[in-house]
Amino acid sequence: MNIIKMYDKMYENDWRDVFSKYWKFVTNNKVTEEQIESCQNYILKQVLQNEVFMSLAIFDDKVIGFSIFQIDNGNSDWNKYTGYGFIREFYILPNYRRMGFGKELANFTIQHLFSVGAKNIYLDTHTSAKDFWIKCGFVSTGTFDEYNSNEMLIYKK
């Protein structure tokens, strides 16, 4: 049975394991375990202080993916569009892709952002995931993030 839910401490170890795999993928394995743990701790601190949101994709009582997202404001990390929702991180373990989990997690994340007042939603995406996000209703802005060169996509109500 699959479940999409907001962060729950009982799944912290599973999330840490999945996040570690994600961060190694994103950095082409150019990250230390200490750097991963520091990033995880930073994110969890933000989640617990309600600065960002985290949702978990759970299958057979194990975390298989997650999304980390926020409403941009002047105090936000990576604030590009004040009042917009920003999907900061999104990942589904490779063995669970193309099974509907990503779409379900994306829809949950989008609905949550709009429910807490997002005007629109944006993200930056690697070219390998661009088609997925377009199928989820996002469109290209034609610009690229100056930090990581990923293409910026936007979802409008």
N, C-alpha and C. Protein backbone atom coordinates (compact mmCIF):
# COMPACT_ATOMS: atom_id res chain seq x y z
N MET A 1 0.84 -1.18 0.00
CA MET A 1 0.00 0.00 0.00
C MET A 1 0.88 1.24 0.00
N ASN A 2 0.55 2.20 -0.84
CA ASN A 2 1.33 3.43 -0.86
C ASN A 2 0.59 4.55 -0.16
N ILE A 3 1.39 5.39 0.49
CA ILE A 3 0.87 6.50 1.27
C ILE A 3 1.73 7.72 0.96
N ILE A 4 1.10 8.86 0.81
CA ILE A 4 1.83 10.12 0.75
C ILE A 4 1.41 10.89 1.99
N LYS A 5 2.38 11.31 2.78
CA LYS A 5 2.05 12.03 4.00
C LYS A 5 3.13 13.05 4.31
N MET A 6 2.80 13.98 5.17
CA MET A 6 3.78 14.95 5.61
C MET A 6 4.81 14.25 6.48
N TYR A 7 5.96 14.88 6.66
CA TYR A 7 7.05 14.30 7.43
C TYR A 7 6.56 13.76 8.77
N ASP A 8 7.05 12.58 9.11
CA ASP A 8 6.72 11.91 10.36
C ASP A 8 8.03 11.37 10.92
N LYS A 9 8.37 11.75 12.15
CA LYS A 9 9.65 11.37 12.77
C LYS A 9 9.88 9.86 12.74
N MET A 10 8.81 9.07 12.77
CA MET A 10 9.01 7.61 12.80
C MET A 10 9.68 7.10 11.52
N TYR A 11 9.66 7.91 10.45
CA TYR A 11 10.29 7.53 9.19
C TYR A 11 11.63 8.24 8.96
N GLU A 12 12.17 8.87 10.01
CA GLU A 12 13.39 9.66 9.84
C GLU A 12 14.55 8.84 9.29
N ASN A 13 14.81 7.66 9.85
CA ASN A 13 15.94 6.86 9.38
C ASN A 13 15.78 6.44 7.92
N ASP A 14 14.56 6.05 7.55
CA ASP A 14 14.29 5.72 6.14
C ASP A 14 14.53 6.93 5.25
N TRP A 15 14.01 8.10 5.67
CA TRP A 15 14.20 9.31 4.88
C TRP A 15 15.69 9.63 4.74
N ARG A 16 16.44 9.51 5.82
CA ARG A 16 17.88 9.78 5.75
C ARG A 16 18.56 8.86 4.73
N ASP A 17 18.17 7.62 4.70
CA ASP A 17 18.75 6.67 3.75
C ASP A 17 18.42 7.07 2.32
N VAL A 18 17.16 7.40 2.05
CA VAL A 18 16.75 7.80 0.70
C VAL A 18 17.40 9.12 0.32
N PHE A 19 17.44 10.07 1.25
CA PHE A 19 18.08 11.36 0.96
C PHE A 19 19.56 11.18 0.64
N SER A 20 20.22 10.30 1.34
CA SER A 20 21.64 10.03 1.08
C SER A 20 21.84 9.55 -0.36
N LYS A 21 20.99 8.63 -0.79
CA LYS A 21 21.06 8.15 -2.18
C LYS A 21 20.81 9.30 -3.16
N TYR A 22 19.82 10.11 -2.85
CA TYR A 22 19.49 11.27 -3.69
C TYR A 22 20.67 12.23 -3.78
N TRP A 23 21.24 12.60 -2.64
CA TRP A 23 22.30 13.60 -2.64
C TRP A 23 23.56 13.09 -3.34
N LYS A 24 23.81 11.80 -3.22
CA LYS A 24 24.95 11.21 -3.96
C LYS A 24 24.68 11.28 -5.46
N PHE A 25 23.45 11.02 -5.87
CA PHE A 25 23.08 11.11 -7.28
C PHE A 25 23.24 12.55 -7.79
N VAL A 26 22.70 13.50 -7.05
CA VAL A 26 22.73 14.90 -7.46
C VAL A 26 24.16 15.42 -7.58
N THR A 27 25.05 14.96 -6.71
CA THR A 27 26.42 15.47 -6.69
C THR A 27 27.40 14.55 -7.42
N ASN A 28 26.88 13.55 -8.12
CA ASN A 28 27.76 12.57 -8.80
C ASN A 28 28.77 11.95 -7.84
N ASN A 29 28.28 11.62 -6.64
CA ASN A 29 29.09 10.99 -5.59
C ASN A 29 30.25 11.86 -5.11
N LYS A 30 30.13 13.17 -5.28
CA LYS A 30 31.18 14.08 -4.83
C LYS A 30 30.77 14.76 -3.54
N VAL A 31 30.35 13.95 -2.59
CA VAL A 31 29.90 14.47 -1.30
C VAL A 31 30.29 13.46 -0.23
N THR A 32 30.67 13.95 0.93
CA THR A 32 31.04 13.07 2.03
C THR A 32 29.82 12.72 2.88
N GLU A 33 29.95 11.69 3.66
CA GLU A 33 28.86 11.32 4.57
C GLU A 33 28.60 12.45 5.57
N GLU A 34 29.65 13.14 6.00
CA GLU A 34 29.49 14.27 6.92
C GLU A 34 28.70 15.40 6.27
N GLN A 35 28.96 15.68 4.99
CA GLN A 35 28.22 16.72 4.28
C GLN A 35 26.75 16.33 4.12
N ILE A 36 26.51 15.07 3.83
CA ILE A 36 25.12 14.59 3.71
C ILE A 36 24.40 14.75 5.04
N GLU A 37 25.03 14.31 6.11
CA GLU A 37 24.39 14.40 7.43
C GLU A 37 24.13 15.85 7.82
N SER A 38 25.07 16.73 7.53
CA SER A 38 24.88 18.15 7.83
C SER A 38 23.69 18.72 7.06
N CYS A 39 23.58 18.36 5.79
CA CYS A 39 22.45 18.83 4.98
C CYS A 39 21.13 18.27 5.51
N GLN A 40 21.12 16.99 5.86
CA GLN A 40 19.92 16.37 6.41
C GLN A 40 19.49 17.09 7.69
N ASN A 41 20.44 17.34 8.57
CA ASN A 41 20.12 18.00 9.84
C ASN A 41 19.58 19.41 9.60
N TYR A 42 20.15 20.11 8.64
CA TYR A 42 19.69 21.46 8.30
C TYR A 42 18.24 21.42 7.80
N ILE A 43 17.96 20.48 6.90
CA ILE A 43 16.61 20.35 6.35
C ILE A 43 15.61 19.99 7.46
N LEU A 44 15.96 19.00 8.29
CA LEU A 44 15.04 18.60 9.36
C LEU A 44 14.79 19.75 10.34
N LYS A 45 15.81 20.54 10.61
CA LYS A 45 15.63 21.71 11.48
C LYS A 45 14.61 22.66 10.84
N GLN A 46 14.73 22.91 9.53
CA GLN A 46 13.79 23.79 8.85
C GLN A 46 12.37 23.21 8.86
N VAL A 47 12.26 21.90 8.67
CA VAL A 47 10.94 21.25 8.68
C VAL A 47 10.31 21.40 10.07
N LEU A 48 11.08 21.11 11.11
CA LEU A 48 10.55 21.17 12.47
C LEU A 48 10.20 22.59 12.90
N GLN A 49 10.85 23.59 12.29
CA GLN A 49 10.55 24.99 12.59
C GLN A 49 9.51 25.57 11.62
N ASN A 50 8.92 24.69 10.79
CA ASN A 50 7.89 25.08 9.83
C ASN A 50 8.37 26.14 8.83
N GLU A 51 9.66 26.12 8.52
CA GLU A 51 10.20 27.01 7.49
C GLU A 51 10.04 26.38 6.11
N VAL A 52 10.07 25.06 6.05
CA VAL A 52 9.84 24.30 4.82
C VAL A 52 8.94 23.12 5.16
N PHE A 53 8.39 22.51 4.14
CA PHE A 53 7.55 21.33 4.29
C PHE A 53 8.27 20.14 3.69
N MET A 54 7.95 18.97 4.19
CA MET A 54 8.46 17.74 3.60
C MET A 54 7.33 16.72 3.55
N SER A 55 7.15 16.12 2.38
CA SER A 55 6.21 15.02 2.28
C SER A 55 6.99 13.76 1.90
N LEU A 56 6.45 12.64 2.32
CA LEU A 56 7.11 11.35 2.12
C LEU A 56 6.22 10.43 1.29
N ALA A 57 6.84 9.72 0.37
CA ALA A 57 6.15 8.66 -0.37
C ALA A 57 6.54 7.36 0.33
N ILE A 58 5.54 6.63 0.80
CA ILE A 58 5.78 5.42 1.59
C ILE A 58 5.10 4.25 0.90
N PHE A 59 5.86 3.17 0.73
CA PHE A 59 5.33 1.95 0.13
C PHE A 59 5.80 0.78 0.98
N ASP A 60 4.89 -0.10 1.34
CA ASP A 60 5.21 -1.22 2.24
C ASP A 60 5.94 -0.75 3.50
N ASP A 61 5.46 0.37 4.04
CA ASP A 61 5.96 0.96 5.28
C ASP A 61 7.42 1.41 5.20
N LYS A 62 7.92 1.67 4.00
CA LYS A 62 9.28 2.19 3.80
C LYS A 62 9.21 3.45 2.94
N VAL A 63 10.04 4.42 3.26
CA VAL A 63 10.13 5.64 2.45
C VAL A 63 10.78 5.29 1.13
N ILE A 64 10.10 5.65 0.04
CA ILE A 64 10.65 5.42 -1.30
C ILE A 64 10.89 6.73 -2.05
N GLY A 65 10.52 7.84 -1.42
CA GLY A 65 10.71 9.14 -2.05
C GLY A 65 10.28 10.25 -1.12
N PHE A 66 10.57 11.48 -1.54
CA PHE A 66 10.22 12.63 -0.72
C PHE A 66 10.17 13.88 -1.60
N SER A 67 9.52 14.89 -1.08
CA SER A 67 9.60 16.23 -1.66
C SER A 67 9.81 17.20 -0.51
N ILE A 68 10.61 18.22 -0.79
CA ILE A 68 10.88 19.29 0.16
C ILE A 68 10.48 20.58 -0.54
N PHE A 69 9.63 21.38 0.12
CA PHE A 69 9.05 22.53 -0.55
C PHE A 69 8.74 23.64 0.43
N GLN A 70 8.51 24.84 -0.11
CA GLN A 70 8.29 26.01 0.74
C GLN A 70 7.44 27.03 0.00
N ILE A 71 6.98 28.02 0.76
CA ILE A 71 6.41 29.23 0.19
C ILE A 71 7.51 30.28 0.30
N ASP A 72 7.94 30.84 -0.83
CA ASP A 72 9.01 31.83 -0.80
C ASP A 72 8.57 33.09 -0.05
N ASN A 73 9.47 33.58 0.78
CA ASN A 73 9.30 34.86 1.44
C ASN A 73 10.69 35.44 1.67
N GLY A 74 10.76 36.63 2.18
CA GLY A 74 12.04 37.30 2.36
C GLY A 74 13.03 36.56 3.23
N ASN A 75 12.57 35.65 4.07
CA ASN A 75 13.45 34.89 4.95
C ASN A 75 13.79 33.50 4.42
N SER A 76 13.25 33.14 3.26
CA SER A 76 13.42 31.78 2.72
C SER A 76 14.79 31.58 2.09
N ASP A 77 15.25 30.34 2.19
CA ASP A 77 16.41 29.94 1.39
C ASP A 77 15.97 29.94 -0.06
N TRP A 78 16.80 30.38 -0.94
CA TRP A 78 16.57 30.33 -2.38
C TRP A 78 15.29 31.06 -2.78
N ASN A 79 14.95 32.13 -2.12
CA ASN A 79 13.75 32.89 -2.45
C ASN A 79 13.92 33.57 -3.81
N LYS A 80 13.17 33.12 -4.81
CA LYS A 80 13.21 33.72 -6.13
C LYS A 80 11.93 34.49 -6.45
N TYR A 81 10.78 33.94 -6.02
CA TYR A 81 9.49 34.52 -6.35
C TYR A 81 8.64 34.58 -5.08
N THR A 82 8.70 35.70 -4.40
CA THR A 82 7.96 35.85 -3.15
C THR A 82 6.49 35.50 -3.35
N GLY A 83 5.97 34.66 -2.46
CA GLY A 83 4.57 34.24 -2.51
C GLY A 83 4.33 32.99 -3.34
N TYR A 84 5.33 32.57 -4.09
CA TYR A 84 5.21 31.34 -4.90
C TYR A 84 5.63 30.13 -4.06
N GLY A 85 5.06 29.00 -4.40
CA GLY A 85 5.54 27.75 -3.84
C GLY A 85 6.80 27.33 -4.61
N PHE A 86 7.73 26.74 -3.92
CA PHE A 86 8.99 26.31 -4.53
C PHE A 86 9.23 24.86 -4.13
N ILE A 87 9.28 23.98 -5.11
CA ILE A 87 9.65 22.59 -4.85
C ILE A 87 11.16 22.52 -4.91
N ARG A 88 11.78 22.44 -3.74
CA ARG A 88 13.24 22.51 -3.63
C ARG A 88 13.91 21.20 -4.01
N GLU A 89 13.37 20.12 -3.50
CA GLU A 89 13.96 18.79 -3.74
C GLU A 89 12.82 17.82 -3.98
N PHE A 90 13.04 16.87 -4.87
CA PHE A 90 12.00 15.88 -5.19
C PHE A 90 12.72 14.64 -5.68
N TYR A 91 12.37 13.49 -5.09
CA TYR A 91 13.09 12.27 -5.46
C TYR A 91 12.24 11.04 -5.19
N ILE A 92 12.28 10.13 -6.14
CA ILE A 92 11.70 8.79 -5.99
C ILE A 92 12.83 7.81 -6.28
N LEU A 93 13.00 6.81 -5.44
CA LEU A 93 14.03 5.80 -5.68
C LEU A 93 13.86 5.20 -7.08
N PRO A 94 14.95 4.97 -7.80
CA PRO A 94 14.86 4.49 -9.19
C PRO A 94 13.98 3.24 -9.38
N ASN A 95 14.00 2.30 -8.45
CA ASN A 95 13.20 1.07 -8.59
C ASN A 95 11.69 1.31 -8.50
N TYR A 96 11.30 2.51 -8.09
CA TYR A 96 9.88 2.82 -7.91
C TYR A 96 9.38 3.87 -8.91
N ARG A 97 10.21 4.20 -9.87
CA ARG A 97 9.80 5.18 -10.89
C ARG A 97 8.94 4.51 -11.95
N ARG A 98 8.15 5.34 -12.63
CA ARG A 98 7.24 4.89 -13.69
C ARG A 98 6.17 3.93 -13.17
N MET A 99 5.82 4.13 -11.88
CA MET A 99 4.78 3.31 -11.26
C MET A 99 3.67 4.19 -10.66
N GLY A 100 3.76 5.50 -10.88
CA GLY A 100 2.75 6.42 -10.38
C GLY A 100 3.07 7.09 -9.06
N PHE A 101 4.13 6.64 -8.38
CA PHE A 101 4.47 7.23 -7.08
C PHE A 101 4.89 8.70 -7.22
N GLY A 102 5.70 9.00 -8.25
CA GLY A 102 6.15 10.37 -8.45
C GLY A 102 5.00 11.31 -8.74
N LYS A 103 4.10 10.88 -9.59
CA LYS A 103 2.94 11.72 -9.93
C LYS A 103 2.08 11.95 -8.68
N GLU A 104 1.89 10.91 -7.90
CA GLU A 104 1.11 11.04 -6.67
C GLU A 104 1.78 12.00 -5.69
N LEU A 105 3.09 11.88 -5.54
CA LEU A 105 3.84 12.76 -4.65
C LEU A 105 3.81 14.20 -5.17
N ALA A 106 3.97 14.37 -6.48
CA ALA A 106 3.92 15.72 -7.07
C ALA A 106 2.55 16.35 -6.85
N ASN A 107 1.48 15.61 -7.10
CA ASN A 107 0.12 16.14 -6.90
C ASN A 107 -0.12 16.53 -5.44
N PHE A 108 0.33 15.69 -4.52
CA PHE A 108 0.19 15.99 -3.09
C PHE A 108 0.92 17.28 -2.75
N THR A 109 2.15 17.42 -3.27
CA THR A 109 2.97 18.59 -3.00
C THR A 109 2.32 19.85 -3.58
N ILE A 110 1.85 19.78 -4.81
CA ILE A 110 1.18 20.91 -5.46
C ILE A 110 -0.07 21.31 -4.68
N GLN A 111 -0.90 20.34 -4.33
CA GLN A 111 -2.13 20.64 -3.58
C GLN A 111 -1.82 21.28 -2.24
N HIS A 112 -0.78 20.77 -1.56
CA HIS A 112 -0.43 21.33 -0.26
C HIS A 112 0.03 22.78 -0.40
N LEU A 113 0.88 23.04 -1.40
CA LEU A 113 1.36 24.41 -1.58
C LEU A 113 0.20 25.38 -1.86
N PHE A 114 -0.73 24.99 -2.72
CA PHE A 114 -1.87 25.87 -2.98
C PHE A 114 -2.75 26.01 -1.73
N SER A 115 -2.87 24.96 -0.94
CA SER A 115 -3.71 25.03 0.26
C SER A 115 -3.15 25.96 1.32
N VAL A 116 -1.84 26.20 1.30
CA VAL A 116 -1.24 27.12 2.27
C VAL A 116 -0.94 28.49 1.65
N GLY A 117 -1.52 28.76 0.47
CA GLY A 117 -1.49 30.11 -0.06
C GLY A 117 -0.53 30.42 -1.20
N ALA A 118 0.07 29.42 -1.80
CA ALA A 118 0.97 29.70 -2.93
C ALA A 118 0.20 30.35 -4.07
N LYS A 119 0.78 31.38 -4.67
CA LYS A 119 0.18 32.04 -5.84
C LYS A 119 0.35 31.16 -7.07
N ASN A 120 1.52 30.65 -7.26
CA ASN A 120 1.91 29.72 -8.31
C ASN A 120 3.03 28.88 -7.72
N ILE A 121 3.54 27.94 -8.49
CA ILE A 121 4.60 27.06 -8.00
C ILE A 121 5.70 27.00 -9.05
N TYR A 122 6.94 26.96 -8.60
CA TYR A 122 8.06 26.80 -9.53
C TYR A 122 9.05 25.79 -8.99
N LEU A 123 9.92 25.36 -9.86
CA LEU A 123 11.01 24.45 -9.51
C LEU A 123 12.07 24.57 -10.58
N ASP A 124 13.26 24.07 -10.27
CA ASP A 124 14.25 23.93 -11.32
C ASP A 124 14.49 22.44 -11.47
N THR A 125 14.67 21.99 -12.71
CA THR A 125 14.75 20.56 -12.95
C THR A 125 15.88 20.20 -13.89
N HIS A 126 16.44 19.06 -13.63
CA HIS A 126 17.44 18.48 -14.52
C HIS A 126 16.71 18.05 -15.79
N THR A 127 17.41 18.06 -16.91
CA THR A 127 16.77 17.70 -18.18
C THR A 127 16.16 16.30 -18.15
N SER A 128 16.72 15.40 -17.35
CA SER A 128 16.19 14.04 -17.30
C SER A 128 14.80 13.96 -16.69
N ALA A 129 14.42 14.97 -15.91
CA ALA A 129 13.10 14.97 -15.26
C ALA A 129 12.14 15.97 -15.88
N LYS A 130 12.57 16.71 -16.88
CA LYS A 130 11.74 17.77 -17.46
C LYS A 130 10.40 17.23 -17.98
N ASP A 131 10.41 16.12 -18.72
CA ASP A 131 9.17 15.57 -19.26
C ASP A 131 8.19 15.19 -18.16
N PHE A 132 8.71 14.65 -17.05
CA PHE A 132 7.85 14.30 -15.91
C PHE A 132 7.10 15.53 -15.42
N TRP A 133 7.83 16.64 -15.21
CA TRP A 133 7.21 17.84 -14.66
C TRP A 133 6.24 18.47 -15.65
N ILE A 134 6.55 18.40 -16.93
CA ILE A 134 5.61 18.91 -17.92
C ILE A 134 4.32 18.11 -17.89
N LYS A 135 4.41 16.78 -17.73
CA LYS A 135 3.20 15.95 -17.61
C LYS A 135 2.41 16.30 -16.35
N CYS A 136 3.09 16.85 -15.35
CA CYS A 136 2.43 17.26 -14.11
C CYS A 136 1.83 18.67 -14.21
N GLY A 137 1.96 19.31 -15.37
CA GLY A 137 1.34 20.61 -15.58
C GLY A 137 2.27 21.81 -15.55
N PHE A 138 3.55 21.59 -15.39
CA PHE A 138 4.51 22.70 -15.38
C PHE A 138 4.88 23.08 -16.81
N VAL A 139 5.29 24.32 -17.00
CA VAL A 139 5.75 24.79 -18.30
C VAL A 139 7.12 25.45 -18.11
N SER A 140 7.91 25.43 -19.17
CA SER A 140 9.24 26.02 -19.12
C SER A 140 9.15 27.54 -19.11
N THR A 141 10.03 28.16 -18.36
CA THR A 141 10.13 29.62 -18.37
C THR A 141 11.16 30.06 -19.41
N GLY A 142 11.94 29.11 -19.93
CA GLY A 142 13.00 29.44 -20.87
C GLY A 142 14.25 29.98 -20.21
N THR A 143 14.27 29.95 -18.87
CA THR A 143 15.45 30.42 -18.14
C THR A 143 16.05 29.26 -17.36
N PHE A 144 17.29 29.47 -16.95
CA PHE A 144 18.00 28.45 -16.21
C PHE A 144 18.51 29.03 -14.90
N ASP A 145 18.49 28.22 -13.87
CA ASP A 145 18.96 28.64 -12.55
C ASP A 145 20.46 28.93 -12.62
N GLU A 146 20.85 30.08 -12.12
CA GLU A 146 22.25 30.47 -12.20
C GLU A 146 23.15 29.63 -11.30
N TYR A 147 22.58 28.99 -10.28
CA TYR A 147 23.37 28.20 -9.34
C TYR A 147 23.72 26.82 -9.89
N ASN A 148 22.74 26.14 -10.49
CA ASN A 148 22.98 24.76 -10.91
C ASN A 148 22.69 24.50 -12.39
N SER A 149 22.34 25.52 -13.13
CA SER A 149 22.06 25.44 -14.58
C SER A 149 20.86 24.57 -14.93
N ASN A 150 20.03 24.22 -13.95
CA ASN A 150 18.82 23.47 -14.26
C ASN A 150 17.76 24.40 -14.81
N GLU A 151 16.89 23.86 -15.67
CA GLU A 151 15.84 24.67 -16.29
C GLU A 151 14.75 25.00 -15.29
N MET A 152 14.28 26.23 -15.32
CA MET A 152 13.20 26.68 -14.44
C MET A 152 11.86 26.36 -15.09
N LEU A 153 10.98 25.73 -14.34
CA LEU A 153 9.63 25.43 -14.79
C LEU A 153 8.66 26.07 -13.80
N ILE A 154 7.47 26.40 -14.27
CA ILE A 154 6.48 27.02 -13.41
C ILE A 154 5.12 26.37 -13.61
N TYR A 155 4.36 26.28 -12.54
CA TYR A 155 3.01 25.74 -12.56
C TYR A 155 2.09 26.86 -12.12
N LYS A 156 1.09 27.16 -12.90
CA LYS A 156 0.17 28.24 -12.55
C LYS A 156 -1.21 27.66 -12.29
N LYS A 157 -1.94 28.32 -11.39
CA LYS A 157 -3.31 27.92 -11.08
C LYS A 157 -4.16 28.02 -12.32
